[in-house]
Amino acid sequence: MNASPTLIAAQAKREVARLRFQSTLDTLQHRLSPANLRDEAVETVKETAVSAARSSAETVRNHPGKIAAGIGLVGLLLARKPIARAIRREDDDGDATPDDTDEFGA
């Protein structure tokens, strides 16, 4: 029995489509494998960290005064309670003030 040229062309077309589908499926399985996803995530994090570090370094080089002032303000903000306690600890006469209590109210 002779197959018609149309049938042979359709079978060839089906085989090409099947091979293309299998290739796409293999590619997806590789790209979505846990190890590959992990490696891509690690690489993305590294690239982002390097980019952020470069950007930060450039900002510091371009605005050193503003950066120093900002760091100073953060330092004062973090030290505000000890500074306030030191100021309240003694009044002008050198006597302890009524507000002179430690952290536990003693």
PDB file of N, CA and C in Angstrom:
ATOM      1  N   MET A   1       0.825  -1.155   0.000  1.00  0.00           N
ATOM      2  CA  MET A   1       0.000   0.000   0.000  1.00  0.00           C
ATOM      3  C   MET A   1       0.884   1.238   0.000  1.00  0.00           C
ATOM      4  N   ASN A   2       0.657   2.119  -0.939  1.00  0.00           N
ATOM      5  CA  ASN A   2       1.414   3.344  -1.059  1.00  0.00           C
ATOM      6  C   ASN A   2       0.760   4.455  -0.244  1.00  0.00           C
ATOM      7  N   ALA A   3       1.569   5.130   0.546  1.00  0.00           N
ATOM      8  CA  ALA A   3       1.046   6.260   1.317  1.00  0.00           C
ATOM      9  C   ALA A   3       1.039   7.478   0.415  1.00  0.00           C
ATOM     10  N   SER A   4       0.041   8.268   0.586  1.00  0.00           N
ATOM     11  CA  SER A   4      -0.071   9.457  -0.261  1.00  0.00           C
ATOM     12  C   SER A   4       0.964  10.492   0.175  1.00  0.00           C
ATOM     13  N   PRO A   5       1.372  11.387  -0.726  1.00  0.00           N
ATOM     14  CA  PRO A   5       2.339  12.425  -0.369  1.00  0.00           C
ATOM     15  C   PRO A   5       1.811  13.337   0.743  1.00  0.00           C
ATOM     16  N   THR A   6       0.529  13.542   0.783  1.00  0.00           N
ATOM     17  CA  THR A   6      -0.048  14.384   1.837  1.00  0.00           C
ATOM     18  C   THR A   6       0.121  13.716   3.198  1.00  0.00           C
ATOM     19  N   LEU A   7      -0.098  12.420   3.262  1.00  0.00           N
ATOM     20  CA  LEU A   7       0.055  11.683   4.513  1.00  0.00           C
ATOM     21  C   LEU A   7       1.515  11.684   4.955  1.00  0.00           C
ATOM     22  N   ILE A   8       2.436  11.486   4.039  1.00  0.00           N
ATOM     23  CA  ILE A   8       3.865  11.489   4.371  1.00  0.00           C
ATOM     24  C   ILE A   8       4.282  12.873   4.887  1.00  0.00           C
ATOM     25  N   ALA A   9       3.797  13.929   4.261  1.00  0.00           N
ATOM     26  CA  ALA A   9       4.118  15.302   4.704  1.00  0.00           C
ATOM     27  C   ALA A   9       3.545  15.556   6.091  1.00  0.00           C
ATOM     28  N   ALA A  10       2.345  15.083   6.357  1.00  0.00           N
ATOM     29  CA  ALA A  10       1.717  15.278   7.664  1.00  0.00           C
ATOM     30  C   ALA A  10       2.488  14.524   8.744  1.00  0.00           C
ATOM     31  N   GLN A  11       2.935  13.303   8.431  1.00  0.00           N
ATOM     32  CA  GLN A  11       3.709  12.533   9.403  1.00  0.00           C
ATOM     33  C   GLN A  11       5.054  13.207   9.687  1.00  0.00           C
ATOM     34  N   ALA A  12       5.683  13.732   8.662  1.00  0.00           N
ATOM     35  CA  ALA A  12       6.961  14.435   8.846  1.00  0.00           C
ATOM     36  C   ALA A  12       6.757  15.688   9.696  1.00  0.00           C
ATOM     37  N   LYS A  13       5.666  16.386   9.417  1.00  0.00           N
ATOM     38  CA  LYS A  13       5.353  17.609  10.179  1.00  0.00           C
ATOM     39  C   LYS A  13       5.102  17.259  11.650  1.00  0.00           C
ATOM     40  N   ARG A  14       4.399  16.141  11.873  1.00  0.00           N
ATOM     41  CA  ARG A  14       4.125  15.699  13.238  1.00  0.00           C
ATOM     42  C   ARG A  14       5.421  15.347  13.961  1.00  0.00           C
ATOM     43  N   GLU A  15       6.321  14.678  13.269  1.00  0.00           N
ATOM     44  CA  GLU A  15       7.599  14.286  13.876  1.00  0.00           C
ATOM     45  C   GLU A  15       8.435  15.518  14.239  1.00  0.00           C
ATOM     46  N   VAL A  16       8.460  16.498  13.355  1.00  0.00           N
ATOM     47  CA  VAL A  16       9.195  17.749  13.639  1.00  0.00           C
ATOM     48  C   VAL A  16       8.593  18.444  14.860  1.00  0.00           C
ATOM     49  N   ALA A  17       7.263  18.519  14.915  1.00  0.00           N
ATOM     50  CA  ALA A  17       6.595  19.165  16.046  1.00  0.00           C
ATOM     51  C   ALA A  17       6.884  18.408  17.343  1.00  0.00           C
ATOM     52  N   ARG A  18       6.877  17.079  17.284  1.00  0.00           N
ATOM     53  CA  ARG A  18       7.164  16.269  18.468  1.00  0.00           C
ATOM     54  C   ARG A  18       8.591  16.490  18.955  1.00  0.00           C
ATOM     55  N   LEU A  19       9.543  16.537  18.028  1.00  0.00           N
ATOM     56  CA  LEU A  19      10.944  16.777  18.406  1.00  0.00           C
ATOM     57  C   LEU A  19      11.130  18.176  18.987  1.00  0.00           C
ATOM     58  N   ARG A  20      10.450  19.152  18.392  1.00  0.00           N
ATOM     59  CA  ARG A  20      10.543  20.523  18.908  1.00  0.00           C
ATOM     60  C   ARG A  20       9.947  20.597  20.314  1.00  0.00           C
ATOM     61  N   PHE A  21       8.802  19.944  20.515  1.00  0.00           N
ATOM     62  CA  PHE A  21       8.167  19.912  21.833  1.00  0.00           C
ATOM     63  C   PHE A  21       9.077  19.236  22.856  1.00  0.00           C
ATOM     64  N   GLN A  22       9.674  18.124  22.496  1.00  0.00           N
ATOM     65  CA  GLN A  22      10.568  17.403  23.410  1.00  0.00           C
ATOM     66  C   GLN A  22      11.781  18.257  23.772  1.00  0.00           C
ATOM     67  N   SER A  23      12.315  18.958  22.786  1.00  0.00           N
ATOM     68  CA  SER A  23      13.453  19.845  23.050  1.00  0.00           C
ATOM     69  C   SER A  23      13.063  20.966  24.012  1.00  0.00           C
ATOM     70  N   THR A  24      11.896  21.553  23.794  1.00  0.00           N
ATOM     71  CA  THR A  24      11.412  22.612  24.685  1.00  0.00           C
ATOM     72  C   THR A  24      11.193  22.070  26.089  1.00  0.00           C
ATOM     73  N   LEU A  25      10.628  20.895  26.195  1.00  0.00           N
ATOM     74  CA  LEU A  25      10.394  20.264  27.494  1.00  0.00           C
ATOM     75  C   LEU A  25      11.711  19.990  28.210  1.00  0.00           C
ATOM     76  N   ASP A  26      12.695  19.480  27.502  1.00  0.00           N
ATOM     77  CA  ASP A  26      14.011  19.229  28.106  1.00  0.00           C
ATOM     78  C   ASP A  26      14.637  20.529  28.608  1.00  0.00           C
ATOM     79  N   THR A  27      14.524  21.593  27.800  1.00  0.00           N
ATOM     80  CA  THR A  27      15.072  22.894  28.196  1.00  0.00           C
ATOM     81  C   THR A  27      14.396  23.398  29.464  1.00  0.00           C
ATOM     82  N   LEU A  28      13.080  23.301  29.526  1.00  0.00           N
ATOM     83  CA  LEU A  28      12.351  23.749  30.711  1.00  0.00           C
ATOM     84  C   LEU A  28      12.719  22.940  31.942  1.00  0.00           C
ATOM     85  N   GLN A  29      12.840  21.652  31.784  1.00  0.00           N
ATOM     86  CA  GLN A  29      13.210  20.813  32.924  1.00  0.00           C
ATOM     87  C   GLN A  29      14.580  21.192  33.457  1.00  0.00           C
ATOM     88  N   HIS A  30      15.499  21.502  32.561  1.00  0.00           N
ATOM     89  CA  HIS A  30      16.840  21.921  32.996  1.00  0.00           C
ATOM     90  C   HIS A  30      16.785  23.276  33.695  1.00  0.00           C
ATOM     91  N   ARG A  31      16.104  24.248  33.093  1.00  0.00           N
ATOM     92  CA  ARG A  31      16.054  25.604  33.647  1.00  0.00           C
ATOM     93  C   ARG A  31      15.313  25.654  34.977  1.00  0.00           C
ATOM     94  N   LEU A  32      14.320  24.777  35.162  1.00  0.00           N
ATOM     95  CA  LEU A  32      13.523  24.803  36.378  1.00  0.00           C
ATOM     96  C   LEU A  32      13.976  23.794  37.418  1.00  0.00           C
ATOM     97  N   SER A  33      15.126  23.186  37.216  1.00  0.00           N
ATOM     98  CA  SER A  33      15.639  22.253  38.217  1.00  0.00           C
ATOM     99  C   SER A  33      16.037  23.044  39.466  1.00  0.00           C
ATOM    100  N   PRO A  34      15.851  22.476  40.644  1.00  0.00           N
ATOM    101  CA  PRO A  34      16.170  23.193  41.882  1.00  0.00           C
ATOM    102  C   PRO A  34      17.614  23.707  41.933  1.00  0.00           C
ATOM    103  N   ALA A  35      18.548  22.908  41.477  1.00  0.00           N
ATOM    104  CA  ALA A  35      19.956  23.337  41.518  1.00  0.00           C
ATOM    105  C   ALA A  35      20.178  24.543  40.609  1.00  0.00           C
ATOM    106  N   ASN A  36      19.591  24.513  39.434  1.00  0.00           N
ATOM    107  CA  ASN A  36      19.754  25.623  38.503  1.00  0.00           C
ATOM    108  C   ASN A  36      19.072  26.878  39.036  1.00  0.00           C
ATOM    109  N   LEU A  37      17.876  26.737  39.605  1.00  0.00           N
ATOM    110  CA  LEU A  37      17.187  27.893  40.185  1.00  0.00           C
ATOM    111  C   LEU A  37      17.995  28.490  41.336  1.00  0.00           C
ATOM    112  N   ARG A  38      18.584  27.622  42.156  1.00  0.00           N
ATOM    113  CA  ARG A  38      19.417  28.093  43.261  1.00  0.00           C
ATOM    114  C   ARG A  38      20.625  28.864  42.739  1.00  0.00           C
ATOM    115  N   ASP A  39      21.287  28.299  41.735  1.00  0.00           N
ATOM    116  CA  ASP A  39      22.468  28.958  41.179  1.00  0.00           C
ATOM    117  C   ASP A  39      22.120  30.320  40.581  1.00  0.00           C
ATOM    118  N   GLU A  40      21.003  30.395  39.887  1.00  0.00           N
ATOM    119  CA  GLU A  40      20.577  31.673  39.311  1.00  0.00           C
ATOM    120  C   GLU A  40      20.250  32.684  40.404  1.00  0.00           C
ATOM    121  N   ALA A  41      19.596  32.231  41.474  1.00  0.00           N
ATOM    122  CA  ALA A  41      19.261  33.127  42.581  1.00  0.00           C
ATOM    123  C   ALA A  41      20.530  33.650  43.259  1.00  0.00           C
ATOM    124  N   VAL A  42      21.498  32.769  43.482  1.00  0.00           N
ATOM    125  CA  VAL A  42      22.756  33.180  44.108  1.00  0.00           C
ATOM    126  C   VAL A  42      23.464  34.203  43.221  1.00  0.00           C
ATOM    127  N   GLU A  43      23.497  33.961  41.943  1.00  0.00           N
ATOM    128  CA  GLU A  43      24.153  34.881  41.014  1.00  0.00           C
ATOM    129  C   GLU A  43      23.452  36.236  41.002  1.00  0.00           C
ATOM    130  N   THR A  44      22.128  36.223  41.035  1.00  0.00           N
ATOM    131  CA  THR A  44      21.371  37.473  41.048  1.00  0.00           C
ATOM    132  C   THR A  44      21.657  38.266  42.329  1.00  0.00           C
ATOM    133  N   VAL A  45      21.712  37.573  43.453  1.00  0.00           N
ATOM    134  CA  VAL A  45      22.008  38.244  44.730  1.00  0.00           C
ATOM    135  C   VAL A  45      23.409  38.837  44.697  1.00  0.00           C
ATOM    136  N   LYS A  46      24.370  38.090  44.166  1.00  0.00           N
ATOM    137  CA  LYS A  46      25.743  38.602  44.073  1.00  0.00           C
ATOM    138  C   LYS A  46      25.799  39.863  43.216  1.00  0.00           C
ATOM    139  N   GLU A  47      25.153  39.802  42.052  1.00  0.00           N
ATOM    140  CA  GLU A  47      25.158  40.958  41.157  1.00  0.00           C
ATOM    141  C   GLU A  47      24.498  42.172  41.808  1.00  0.00           C
ATOM    142  N   THR A  48      23.401  41.944  42.518  1.00  0.00           N
ATOM    143  CA  THR A  48      22.699  43.033  43.192  1.00  0.00           C
ATOM    144  C   THR A  48      23.564  43.628  44.301  1.00  0.00           C
ATOM    145  N   ALA A  49      24.237  42.775  45.066  1.00  0.00           N
ATOM    146  CA  ALA A  49      25.096  43.266  46.147  1.00  0.00           C
ATOM    147  C   ALA A  49      26.258  44.078  45.601  1.00  0.00           C
ATOM    148  N   VAL A  50      26.870  43.615  44.530  1.00  0.00           N
ATOM    149  CA  VAL A  50      27.984  44.354  43.928  1.00  0.00           C
ATOM    150  C   VAL A  50      27.491  45.699  43.398  1.00  0.00           C
ATOM    151  N   SER A  51      26.348  45.684  42.760  1.00  0.00           N
ATOM    152  CA  SER A  51      25.780  46.925  42.224  1.00  0.00           C
ATOM    153  C   SER A  51      25.475  47.913  43.347  1.00  0.00           C
ATOM    154  N   ALA A  52      24.896  47.428  44.429  1.00  0.00           N
ATOM    155  CA  ALA A  52      24.577  48.294  45.565  1.00  0.00           C
ATOM    156  C   ALA A  52      25.850  48.849  46.195  1.00  0.00           C
ATOM    157  N   ALA A  53      26.876  48.021  46.314  1.00  0.00           N
ATOM    158  CA  ALA A  53      28.140  48.478  46.904  1.00  0.00           C
ATOM    159  C   ALA A  53      28.788  49.558  46.030  1.00  0.00           C
ATOM    160  N   ARG A  54      28.769  49.343  44.730  1.00  0.00           N
ATOM    161  CA  ARG A  54      29.334  50.354  43.825  1.00  0.00           C
ATOM    162  C   ARG A  54      28.558  51.659  43.908  1.00  0.00           C
ATOM    163  N   SER A  55      27.248  51.556  43.935  1.00  0.00           N
ATOM    164  CA  SER A  55      26.405  52.741  44.015  1.00  0.00           C
ATOM    165  C   SER A  55      26.650  53.490  45.322  1.00  0.00           C
ATOM    166  N   SER A  56      26.762  52.744  46.412  1.00  0.00           N
ATOM    167  CA  SER A  56      27.020  53.360  47.710  1.00  0.00           C
ATOM    168  C   SER A  56      28.384  54.038  47.736  1.00  0.00           C
ATOM    169  N   ALA A  57      29.376  53.371  47.206  1.00  0.00           N
ATOM    170  CA  ALA A  57      30.717  53.952  47.186  1.00  0.00           C
ATOM    171  C   ALA A  57      30.739  55.233  46.353  1.00  0.00           C
ATOM    172  N   GLU A  58      30.038  55.224  45.244  1.00  0.00           N
ATOM    173  CA  GLU A  58      29.979  56.415  44.402  1.00  0.00           C
ATOM    174  C   GLU A  58      29.272  57.557  45.128  1.00  0.00           C
ATOM    175  N   THR A  59      28.212  57.251  45.846  1.00  0.00           N
ATOM    176  CA  THR A  59      27.493  58.268  46.607  1.00  0.00           C
ATOM    177  C   THR A  59      28.386  58.860  47.691  1.00  0.00           C
ATOM    178  N   VAL A  60      29.130  58.008  48.379  1.00  0.00           N
ATOM    179  CA  VAL A  60      30.033  58.492  49.434  1.00  0.00           C
ATOM    180  C   VAL A  60      31.110  59.391  48.834  1.00  0.00           C
ATOM    181  N   ARG A  61      31.648  59.001  47.679  1.00  0.00           N
ATOM    182  CA  ARG A  61      32.674  59.843  47.039  1.00  0.00           C
ATOM    183  C   ARG A  61      32.105  61.186  46.606  1.00  0.00           C
ATOM    184  N   ASN A  62      30.868  61.189  46.134  1.00  0.00           N
ATOM    185  CA  ASN A  62      30.275  62.424  45.629  1.00  0.00           C
ATOM    186  C   ASN A  62      29.733  63.329  46.727  1.00  0.00           C
ATOM    187  N   HIS A  63      29.375  62.780  47.883  1.00  0.00           N
ATOM    188  CA  HIS A  63      28.761  63.574  48.951  1.00  0.00           C
ATOM    189  C   HIS A  63      29.339  63.210  50.316  1.00  0.00           C
ATOM    190  N   PRO A  64      30.636  63.395  50.530  1.00  0.00           N
ATOM    191  CA  PRO A  64      31.223  62.958  51.808  1.00  0.00           C
ATOM    192  C   PRO A  64      30.691  63.732  53.012  1.00  0.00           C
ATOM    193  N   GLY A  65      30.445  65.026  52.864  1.00  0.00           N
ATOM    194  CA  GLY A  65      29.941  65.827  53.985  1.00  0.00           C
ATOM    195  C   GLY A  65      28.559  65.395  54.422  1.00  0.00           C
ATOM    196  N   LYS A  66      27.698  65.171  53.458  1.00  0.00           N
ATOM    197  CA  LYS A  66      26.342  64.744  53.780  1.00  0.00           C
ATOM    198  C   LYS A  66      26.346  63.374  54.453  1.00  0.00           C
ATOM    199  N   ILE A  67      27.207  62.490  53.988  1.00  0.00           N
ATOM    200  CA  ILE A  67      27.293  61.153  54.577  1.00  0.00           C
ATOM    201  C   ILE A  67      27.799  61.244  56.018  1.00  0.00           C
ATOM    202  N   ALA A  68      28.827  62.063  56.243  1.00  0.00           N
ATOM    203  CA  ALA A  68      29.361  62.225  57.600  1.00  0.00           C
ATOM    204  C   ALA A  68      28.304  62.812  58.524  1.00  0.00           C
ATOM    205  N   ALA A  69      27.552  63.802  58.033  1.00  0.00           N
ATOM    206  CA  ALA A  69      26.497  64.392  58.851  1.00  0.00           C
ATOM    207  C   ALA A  69      25.415  63.361  59.167  1.00  0.00           C
ATOM    208  N   GLY A  70      25.065  62.560  58.204  1.00  0.00           N
ATOM    209  CA  GLY A  70      24.057  61.524  58.427  1.00  0.00           C
ATOM    210  C   GLY A  70      24.513  60.500  59.449  1.00  0.00           C
ATOM    211  N   ILE A  71      25.772  60.095  59.354  1.00  0.00           N
ATOM    212  CA  ILE A  71      26.309  59.130  60.320  1.00  0.00           C
ATOM    213  C   ILE A  71      26.340  59.748  61.709  1.00  0.00           C
ATOM    214  N   GLY A  72      26.706  61.013  61.780  1.00  0.00           N
ATOM    215  CA  GLY A  72      26.706  61.703  63.072  1.00  0.00           C
ATOM    216  C   GLY A  72      25.315  61.771  63.671  1.00  0.00           C
ATOM    217  N   LEU A  73      24.325  62.076  62.860  1.00  0.00           N
ATOM    218  CA  LEU A  73      22.947  62.128  63.356  1.00  0.00           C
ATOM    219  C   LEU A  73      22.468  60.764  63.832  1.00  0.00           C
ATOM    220  N   VAL A  74      22.817  59.725  63.110  1.00  0.00           N
ATOM    221  CA  VAL A  74      22.435  58.378  63.536  1.00  0.00           C
ATOM    222  C   VAL A  74      23.112  58.056  64.866  1.00  0.00           C
ATOM    223  N   GLY A  75      24.376  58.438  65.012  1.00  0.00           N
ATOM    224  CA  GLY A  75      25.083  58.216  66.271  1.00  0.00           C
ATOM    225  C   GLY A  75      24.411  58.943  67.423  1.00  0.00           C
ATOM    226  N   LEU A  76      24.023  60.197  67.196  1.00  0.00           N
ATOM    227  CA  LEU A  76      23.327  60.940  68.241  1.00  0.00           C
ATOM    228  C   LEU A  76      21.968  60.314  68.560  1.00  0.00           C
ATOM    229  N   LEU A  77      21.291  59.856  67.548  1.00  0.00           N
ATOM    230  CA  LEU A  77      19.992  59.216  67.758  1.00  0.00           C
ATOM    231  C   LEU A  77      20.147  57.960  68.607  1.00  0.00           C
ATOM    232  N   LEU A  78      21.154  57.162  68.305  1.00  0.00           N
ATOM    233  CA  LEU A  78      21.380  55.943  69.076  1.00  0.00           C
ATOM    234  C   LEU A  78      21.839  56.235  70.511  1.00  0.00           C
ATOM    235  N   ALA A  79      22.524  57.343  70.715  1.00  0.00           N
ATOM    236  CA  ALA A  79      23.063  57.675  72.034  1.00  0.00           C
ATOM    237  C   ALA A  79      22.190  58.672  72.781  1.00  0.00           C
ATOM    238  N   ARG A  80      20.973  58.933  72.324  1.00  0.00           N
ATOM    239  CA  ARG A  80      20.158  59.982  72.939  1.00  0.00           C
ATOM    240  C   ARG A  80      19.812  59.704  74.398  1.00  0.00           C
ATOM    241  N   LYS A  81      19.512  58.471  74.758  1.00  0.00           N
ATOM    242  CA  LYS A  81      19.151  58.170  76.146  1.00  0.00           C
ATOM    243  C   LYS A  81      20.341  58.318  77.090  1.00  0.00           C
ATOM    244  N   PRO A  82      21.512  57.758  76.744  1.00  0.00           N
ATOM    245  CA  PRO A  82      22.655  57.968  77.645  1.00  0.00           C
ATOM    246  C   PRO A  82      23.040  59.448  77.758  1.00  0.00           C
ATOM    247  N   ILE A  83      22.935  60.183  76.679  1.00  0.00           N
ATOM    248  CA  ILE A  83      23.246  61.617  76.723  1.00  0.00           C
ATOM    249  C   ILE A  83      22.259  62.334  77.618  1.00  0.00           C
ATOM    250  N   ALA A  84      20.973  62.025  77.478  1.00  0.00           N
ATOM    251  CA  ALA A  84      19.950  62.668  78.313  1.00  0.00           C
ATOM    252  C   ALA A  84      20.158  62.318  79.779  1.00  0.00           C
ATOM    253  N   ARG A  85      20.496  61.067  80.091  1.00  0.00           N
ATOM    254  CA  ARG A  85      20.756  60.680  81.492  1.00  0.00           C
ATOM    255  C   ARG A  85      21.957  61.432  82.044  1.00  0.00           C
ATOM    256  N   ALA A  86      22.991  61.586  81.235  1.00  0.00           N
ATOM    257  CA  ALA A  86      24.185  62.298  81.701  1.00  0.00           C
ATOM    258  C   ALA A  86      23.873  63.761  81.965  1.00  0.00           C
ATOM    259  N   ILE A  87      23.042  64.360  81.151  1.00  0.00           N
ATOM    260  CA  ILE A  87      22.688  65.769  81.339  1.00  0.00           C
ATOM    261  C   ILE A  87      21.818  65.925  82.584  1.00  0.00           C
ATOM    262  N   ARG A  88      20.881  65.011  82.808  1.00  0.00           N
ATOM    263  CA  ARG A  88      19.981  65.113  83.958  1.00  0.00           C
ATOM    264  C   ARG A  88      20.630  64.671  85.260  1.00  0.00           C
ATOM    265  N   ARG A  89      21.720  63.928  85.170  1.00  0.00           N
ATOM    266  CA  ARG A  89      22.305  63.332  86.359  1.00  0.00           C
ATOM    267  C   ARG A  89      22.733  64.388  87.386  1.00  0.00           C
ATOM    268  N   GLU A  90      23.271  65.460  86.921  1.00  0.00           N
ATOM    269  CA  GLU A  90      23.705  66.502  87.855  1.00  0.00           C
ATOM    270  C   GLU A  90      23.137  67.840  87.417  1.00  0.00           C
ATOM    271  N   ASP A  91      22.644  68.587  88.377  1.00  0.00           N
ATOM    272  CA  ASP A  91      22.209  69.942  88.041  1.00  0.00           C
ATOM    273  C   ASP A  91      23.386  70.886  88.247  1.00  0.00           C
ATOM    274  N   ASP A  92      23.151  72.161  88.198  1.00  0.00           N
ATOM    275  CA  ASP A  92      24.243  73.149  88.299  1.00  0.00           C
ATOM    276  C   ASP A  92      24.988  73.073  89.615  1.00  0.00           C
ATOM    277  N   ASP A  93      24.342  72.667  90.706  1.00  0.00           N
ATOM    278  CA  ASP A  93      25.001  72.597  92.016  1.00  0.00           C
ATOM    279  C   ASP A  93      25.786  71.314  92.205  1.00  0.00           C
ATOM    280  N   GLY A  94      25.649  70.422  91.311  1.00  0.00           N
ATOM    281  CA  GLY A  94      26.344  69.149  91.449  1.00  0.00           C
ATOM    282  C   GLY A  94      25.539  68.127  92.211  1.00  0.00           C
ATOM    283  N   ASP A  95      24.319  68.506  92.661  1.00  0.00           N
ATOM    284  CA  ASP A  95      23.473  67.566  93.379  1.00  0.00           C
ATOM    285  C   ASP A  95      22.740  66.674  92.396  1.00  0.00           C
ATOM    286  N   ALA A  96      22.414  65.513  92.859  1.00  0.00           N
ATOM    287  CA  ALA A  96      21.635  64.605  92.015  1.00  0.00           C
ATOM    288  C   ALA A  96      20.216  65.132  91.900  1.00  0.00           C
ATOM    289  N   THR A  97      19.655  65.005  90.754  1.00  0.00           N
ATOM    290  CA  THR A  97      18.282  65.471  90.524  1.00  0.00           C
ATOM    291  C   THR A  97      17.311  64.351  90.858  1.00  0.00           C
ATOM    292  N   PRO A  98      16.037  64.691  91.080  1.00  0.00           N
ATOM    293  CA  PRO A  98      15.053  63.651  91.380  1.00  0.00           C
ATOM    294  C   PRO A  98      14.880  62.652  90.221  1.00  0.00           C
ATOM    295  N   ASP A  99      15.254  63.036  89.001  1.00  0.00           N
ATOM    296  CA  ASP A  99      15.092  62.157  87.859  1.00  0.00           C
ATOM    297  C   ASP A  99      16.242  61.141  87.758  1.00  0.00           C
ATOM    298  N   ASP A 100      17.165  61.182  88.703  1.00  0.00           N
ATOM    299  CA  ASP A 100      18.358  60.343  88.631  1.00  0.00           C
ATOM    300  C   ASP A 100      18.022  58.912  89.061  1.00  0.00           C
ATOM    301  N   THR A 101      17.498  58.126  88.152  1.00  0.00           N
ATOM    302  CA  THR A 101      17.205  56.741  88.422  1.00  0.00           C
ATOM    303  C   THR A 101      17.830  55.885  87.333  1.00  0.00           C
ATOM    304  N   ASP A 102      18.118  54.670  87.680  1.00  0.00           N
ATOM    305  CA  ASP A 102      18.674  53.791  86.650  1.00  0.00           C
ATOM    306  C   ASP A 102      17.550  53.189  85.807  1.00  0.00           C
ATOM    307  N   GLU A 103      17.900  52.292  84.951  1.00  0.00           N
ATOM    308  CA  GLU A 103      16.941  51.719  84.014  1.00  0.00           C
ATOM    309  C   GLU A 103      15.784  50.987  84.710  1.00  0.00           C
ATOM    310  N   PHE A 104      16.028  50.508  85.922  1.00  0.00           N
ATOM    311  CA  PHE A 104      15.032  49.694  86.615  1.00  0.00           C
ATOM    312  C   PHE A 104      14.242  50.501  87.630  1.00  0.00           C
ATOM    313  N   GLY A 105      14.389  51.802  87.651  1.00  0.00           N
ATOM    314  CA  GLY A 105      13.618  52.660  88.550  1.00  0.00           C
ATOM    315  C   GLY A 105      14.178  52.746  89.946  1.00  0.00           C
ATOM    316  N   ALA A 106      15.391  52.286  90.180  1.00  0.00           N
ATOM    317  CA  ALA A 106      15.979  52.325  91.523  1.00  0.00           C
ATOM    318  C   ALA A 106      16.750  53.599  91.726  1.00  0.00           C
TER     319      ALA A 106
END
